[in-house]
Amino acid sequence: MAKIQKAVEYFQDNSPDSPELNKVKLLFERGKEALESEFRSLMTRHSKVVSPVLILDLISGDDDLEAQEDVTLEHLPESVLQDVIRISRWLVEYGRNQDFMNVYYQIRSSQLDRSIKGLKEH
């Protein structure tokens, strides 16, 4: 994507009316759409509901801090989280819109809602 962005900048500076500029702009837009799609796919496939037992462990009034430190809350696996962060940074810098943030909000709020419903049922 960085090479495509450089090509867009090159043609905008040196040949703004060229068909090559239109081609690299189209390629750039398709790449951006592919990144947005991958972001959605990663979030959908890997977002996790938090179990009621884990929620209760985390909010318990137990004074044993060592036991609470062992309890980890993982919404996304670490490798997926790193990919989501990289894609997000690129989309913020070059994507020229923030629509992917709505995707994050929708997916994570759905998982939060499911976590709370699970806690209520528990």
Protein backbone atom coordinates (compact mmCIF):
# COMPACT_ATOMS: atom_id res chain seq x y z
CA MET A 1 0.00 0.00 0.00
CA ALA A 2 2.90 2.35 0.71
CA LYS A 3 4.26 1.79 -2.81
CA ILE A 4 0.85 2.45 -4.32
CA GLN A 5 0.54 5.62 -2.25
CA LYS A 6 3.94 6.77 -3.54
CA ALA A 7 2.84 6.02 -7.11
CA VAL A 8 -0.32 8.11 -6.62
CA GLU A 9 1.76 10.99 -5.28
CA TYR A 10 4.26 10.66 -8.15
CA PHE A 11 1.59 10.78 -10.86
CA GLN A 12 -0.27 13.61 -9.13
CA ASP A 13 2.93 15.67 -9.10
CA ASN A 14 4.30 14.72 -12.52
CA SER A 15 1.38 13.73 -14.71
CA PRO A 16 -1.96 14.69 -13.15
CA ASP A 17 -3.99 14.00 -16.32
CA SER A 18 -2.50 10.58 -17.05
CA PRO A 19 -4.50 7.35 -17.19
CA GLU A 20 -1.83 5.83 -14.94
CA LEU A 21 -2.93 8.16 -12.14
CA ASN A 22 -6.48 6.90 -12.44
CA LYS A 23 -5.27 3.30 -12.40
CA VAL A 24 -3.14 3.69 -9.27
CA LYS A 25 -5.90 5.65 -7.54
CA LEU A 26 -8.31 2.82 -8.28
CA LEU A 27 -5.78 0.28 -7.06
CA PHE A 28 -5.26 2.33 -3.90
CA GLU A 29 -9.01 2.44 -3.22
CA ARG A 30 -9.33 -1.31 -3.74
CA GLY A 31 -6.43 -1.89 -1.37
CA LYS A 32 -8.03 0.35 1.24
CA GLU A 33 -11.31 -1.53 0.86
CA ALA A 34 -9.43 -4.82 1.27
CA LEU A 35 -7.85 -3.55 4.50
CA GLU A 36 -11.24 -2.43 5.80
CA SER A 37 -12.65 -5.86 4.91
CA GLU A 38 -9.76 -7.62 6.67
CA PHE A 39 -10.30 -5.42 9.74
CA ARG A 40 -13.98 -6.41 9.84
CA SER A 41 -13.12 -10.06 9.30
CA LEU A 42 -10.50 -10.14 12.08
CA MET A 43 -12.84 -8.42 14.51
CA THR A 44 -15.75 -10.70 13.64
CA ARG A 45 -13.79 -13.96 13.77
CA HIS A 46 -11.72 -13.28 16.87
CA SER A 47 -13.74 -11.05 19.23
CA LYS A 48 -14.50 -12.96 22.38
CA VAL A 49 -17.36 -12.88 24.85
CA VAL A 50 -16.14 -12.60 28.43
CA SER A 51 -17.35 -15.48 30.56
CA PRO A 52 -19.52 -14.69 33.60
CA VAL A 53 -17.06 -16.46 35.89
CA LEU A 54 -14.19 -14.29 34.67
CA ILE A 55 -16.25 -11.12 35.14
CA LEU A 56 -17.13 -12.19 38.68
CA ASP A 57 -13.48 -13.01 39.42
CA LEU A 58 -12.39 -9.61 38.16
CA ILE A 59 -14.95 -7.66 40.17
CA SER A 60 -14.78 -9.71 43.34
CA GLY A 61 -13.82 -7.81 46.44
CA ASP A 62 -11.11 -10.34 47.27
CA ASP A 63 -8.03 -8.71 48.80
CA ASP A 64 -5.71 -11.31 47.32
CA LEU A 65 -4.12 -9.19 44.58
CA GLU A 66 -1.79 -11.95 43.42
CA ALA A 67 -4.73 -14.17 42.49
CA GLN A 68 -6.39 -11.31 40.61
CA GLU A 69 -3.22 -10.58 38.64
CA ASP A 70 -3.34 -14.11 37.22
CA VAL A 71 -6.80 -13.44 35.76
CA THR A 72 -6.45 -11.95 32.29
CA LEU A 73 -9.11 -10.36 30.18
CA GLU A 74 -8.46 -10.99 26.49
CA HIS A 75 -10.91 -9.58 23.96
CA LEU A 76 -8.71 -10.50 20.99
CA PRO A 77 -5.73 -12.85 20.72
CA GLU A 78 -2.44 -10.89 20.87
CA SER A 79 -1.40 -11.64 17.27
CA VAL A 80 -4.80 -10.55 15.95
CA LEU A 81 -4.71 -7.45 18.14
CA GLN A 82 -1.38 -6.44 16.60
CA ASP A 83 -2.82 -6.87 13.09
CA VAL A 84 -5.89 -4.81 14.03
CA ILE A 85 -3.64 -2.07 15.43
CA ARG A 86 -1.49 -1.96 12.26
CA ILE A 87 -4.52 -1.83 9.99
CA SER A 88 -6.16 0.84 12.18
CA ARG A 89 -3.07 3.02 12.13
CA TRP A 90 -2.83 2.81 8.37
CA LEU A 91 -6.53 3.56 7.89
CA VAL A 92 -6.33 6.56 10.21
CA GLU A 93 -3.29 7.94 8.41
CA TYR A 94 -4.15 7.15 4.78
CA GLY A 95 -7.72 5.90 4.64
CA ARG A 96 -9.27 9.37 4.72
CA ASN A 97 -12.29 8.14 6.68
CA GLN A 98 -13.00 6.62 10.03
CA ASP A 99 -15.71 4.12 9.03
CA PHE A 100 -13.70 1.20 10.35
CA MET A 101 -14.18 2.61 13.87
CA ASN A 102 -17.92 2.02 13.51
CA VAL A 103 -17.13 -1.60 12.67
CA TYR A 104 -15.05 -1.88 15.86
CA TYR A 105 -17.82 -0.27 17.89
CA GLN A 106 -20.55 -2.52 16.47
CA ILE A 107 -18.65 -5.76 16.97
CA ARG A 108 -17.25 -4.99 20.41
CA SER A 109 -20.55 -3.57 21.71
CA SER A 110 -22.30 -6.74 20.55
CA GLN A 111 -19.76 -8.87 22.45
CA LEU A 112 -20.09 -6.65 25.53
CA ASP A 113 -23.86 -7.02 25.38
CA ARG A 114 -23.51 -10.81 25.11
CA SER A 115 -21.07 -10.81 28.05
CA ILE A 116 -23.48 -8.85 30.24
CA LYS A 117 -26.41 -11.07 29.26
CA GLY A 118 -24.30 -14.11 30.12
CA LEU A 119 -23.49 -12.59 33.50
CA LYS A 120 -27.18 -11.87 34.12
CA GLU A 121 -28.13 -15.46 33.26
CA HIS A 122 -25.34 -16.82 35.42
